[in-house]
Amino acid sequence: MTSPLTALQPEGWPAPRGYANGMMGRGRVVLVGGQIGWDSEGRFPPGLVAQTRQALENVLAVVRAAGGGPEHIGRLTWYVVDMAEYRASQKELGPAYREVMGRHYPAMALVQVVCLVEPAARVEIEATAIIPD
C-alpha cells in the first residue's frame, strides 16, 4: 500500500522507529474523535493490547466511512491511563498495530492521562486523515 502522504524528516535528525516526525498531503481532511477499545456492542476486551487493536479498528472504521484507509492517516494521538503498562506491552503492541495499520507509521504522540470517560478503557486514540480529492 503506497501512502498519498509524504513523511517529513528534518535533515540531520535520526530516523524515527514506528512513527513519523511529520506528514504532508493534500485533500479532504478527516478529523476522527477519540476512539476507545470497545466493540460495536460496548464490550471491552481485556488488556491494553487488545483494547489498542480495537481502538485502531474503530479509528479505521471512521476513516473508511470517509472513503479512506490506513495509508491516509497522517496523525494519531494516543491517550493511555498507565504508561508503565504501555511500556511493558510494547513487544505485543507492534504486531497488533501492524495487523490493523500495516506498515504505515504516521506522526504520533503518546500521553498518559489520569483517566478516560469510560472506566474500563485503557487507551483512547484520535486521528487526522487526509484523503486525496
Protein backbone atom coordinates (compact mmCIF):
# COMPACT_ATOMS: atom_id res chain seq x y z
CA MET A 1 0.00 0.00 0.00
CA THR A 2 1.51 3.30 -1.11
CA SER A 3 0.61 6.30 1.01
CA PRO A 4 -0.55 9.51 -0.66
CA LEU A 5 1.10 11.29 2.27
CA THR A 6 4.75 12.23 2.49
CA ALA A 7 6.72 11.69 5.70
CA LEU A 8 8.70 14.76 6.76
CA GLN A 9 12.21 14.12 8.01
CA PRO A 10 14.31 17.16 9.02
CA GLU A 11 17.87 16.98 7.75
CA GLY A 12 20.31 15.53 10.26
CA TRP A 13 17.65 14.05 12.54
CA PRO A 14 17.80 10.34 13.39
CA ALA A 15 15.18 8.25 11.60
CA PRO A 16 12.17 7.58 13.84
CA ARG A 17 11.08 3.99 14.51
CA GLY A 18 7.38 3.24 14.36
CA TYR A 19 6.22 6.83 13.71
CA ALA A 20 6.96 9.85 11.51
CA ASN A 21 8.12 13.27 12.70
CA GLY A 22 5.51 14.84 10.44
CA MET A 23 3.29 14.09 7.46
CA MET A 24 2.22 16.20 4.48
CA GLY A 25 -0.60 15.69 1.99
CA ARG A 26 -3.38 17.35 0.03
CA GLY A 27 -7.08 16.53 0.02
CA ARG A 28 -10.09 16.26 2.29
CA VAL A 29 -9.26 16.39 5.99
CA VAL A 30 -10.99 13.84 8.22
CA LEU A 31 -10.90 14.52 11.96
CA VAL A 32 -11.53 11.38 14.00
CA GLY A 33 -12.63 11.89 17.58
CA GLY A 34 -11.08 9.79 20.32
CA GLN A 35 -11.86 6.11 19.86
CA ILE A 36 -11.65 3.67 22.73
CA GLY A 37 -11.19 -0.08 22.63
CA TRP A 38 -14.78 -1.23 22.81
CA ASP A 39 -16.65 -3.14 20.13
CA SER A 40 -19.95 -2.16 18.47
CA GLU A 41 -21.84 -3.55 21.47
CA GLY A 42 -19.86 -1.55 24.04
CA ARG A 43 -17.77 -4.50 25.27
CA PHE A 44 -14.10 -4.09 26.16
CA PRO A 45 -11.60 -6.88 25.54
CA PRO A 46 -9.22 -7.45 28.46
CA GLY A 47 -5.86 -5.67 28.45
CA LEU A 48 -4.15 -2.76 26.78
CA VAL A 49 -3.01 -4.63 23.67
CA ALA A 50 -6.47 -5.93 22.76
CA GLN A 51 -8.06 -2.56 23.51
CA THR A 52 -5.46 -0.76 21.40
CA ARG A 53 -6.11 -3.07 18.47
CA GLN A 54 -9.88 -2.44 18.78
CA ALA A 55 -9.39 1.34 19.17
CA LEU A 56 -7.30 1.35 15.97
CA GLU A 57 -10.02 -0.69 14.22
CA ASN A 58 -12.55 1.91 15.40
CA VAL A 59 -10.39 4.78 14.09
CA LEU A 60 -10.05 2.98 10.78
CA ALA A 61 -13.82 2.41 10.57
CA VAL A 62 -14.37 6.18 10.74
CA VAL A 63 -11.67 6.82 8.12
CA ARG A 64 -13.20 4.14 5.86
CA ALA A 65 -16.61 5.83 6.22
CA ALA A 66 -14.95 8.85 4.55
CA GLY A 67 -13.52 6.68 1.76
CA GLY A 68 -10.01 6.29 3.18
CA GLY A 69 -7.73 3.65 4.59
CA PRO A 70 -4.78 3.44 6.96
CA GLU A 71 -2.48 4.98 4.34
CA HIS A 72 -4.47 8.23 4.60
CA ILE A 73 -3.94 8.67 8.35
CA GLY A 74 -1.43 11.44 8.94
CA ARG A 75 -1.58 11.74 12.72
CA LEU A 76 -2.53 9.65 15.75
CA THR A 77 -2.67 10.81 19.35
CA TRP A 78 -2.78 8.04 21.94
CA TYR A 79 -4.00 8.61 25.50
CA VAL A 80 -3.13 5.82 27.92
CA VAL A 81 -4.05 5.52 31.59
CA ASP A 82 -0.83 3.74 32.55
CA MET A 83 2.50 4.49 30.86
CA ALA A 84 4.20 1.58 32.65
CA GLU A 85 1.58 -0.78 31.21
CA TYR A 86 2.20 0.71 27.75
CA ARG A 87 5.97 0.27 28.04
CA ALA A 88 5.59 -3.30 29.31
CA SER A 89 3.30 -4.10 26.34
CA GLN A 90 5.42 -2.62 23.54
CA LYS A 91 6.56 -6.01 22.21
CA GLU A 92 2.92 -7.11 21.75
CA LEU A 93 1.65 -3.68 20.65
CA GLY A 94 3.81 -3.64 17.48
CA PRO A 95 2.21 -6.72 15.89
CA ALA A 96 -1.28 -5.61 16.98
CA TYR A 97 -0.67 -2.20 15.38
CA ARG A 98 0.58 -3.72 12.12
CA GLU A 99 -2.43 -6.08 11.92
CA VAL A 100 -4.66 -3.02 11.63
CA MET A 101 -2.45 -0.30 10.13
CA GLY A 102 0.06 -2.31 8.13
CA ARG A 103 3.47 -0.70 7.95
CA HIS A 104 2.07 2.84 7.75
CA TYR A 105 3.53 4.97 10.53
CA PRO A 106 2.04 8.48 10.75
CA ALA A 107 3.07 11.28 13.07
CA MET A 108 2.17 10.14 16.59
CA ALA A 109 2.04 11.38 20.13
CA LEU A 110 1.51 9.32 23.27
CA VAL A 111 0.28 10.87 26.51
CA GLN A 112 -0.57 9.39 29.91
CA VAL A 113 -3.82 10.70 31.36
CA VAL A 114 -5.34 10.28 34.81
CA CYS A 115 -8.45 8.55 33.48
CA LEU A 116 -10.76 8.25 30.49
CA VAL A 117 -14.53 8.78 30.45
CA GLU A 118 -15.23 5.04 30.28
CA PRO A 119 -13.74 3.49 33.44
CA ALA A 120 -12.81 0.21 31.69
CA ALA A 121 -10.93 1.97 28.88
CA ARG A 122 -7.12 1.61 28.93
CA VAL A 123 -6.46 3.70 25.77
CA GLU A 124 -8.12 6.31 23.57
CA ILE A 125 -6.81 7.19 20.10
CA GLU A 126 -7.72 10.16 17.91
CA ALA A 127 -6.63 10.69 14.33
CA THR A 128 -6.36 13.09 11.44
CA ALA A 129 -6.56 11.67 7.93
CA ILE A 130 -6.06 13.35 4.55
CA ILE A 131 -7.93 11.69 1.70
CA PRO A 132 -6.98 12.85 -1.81
CA ASP A 133 -9.71 14.63 -3.78
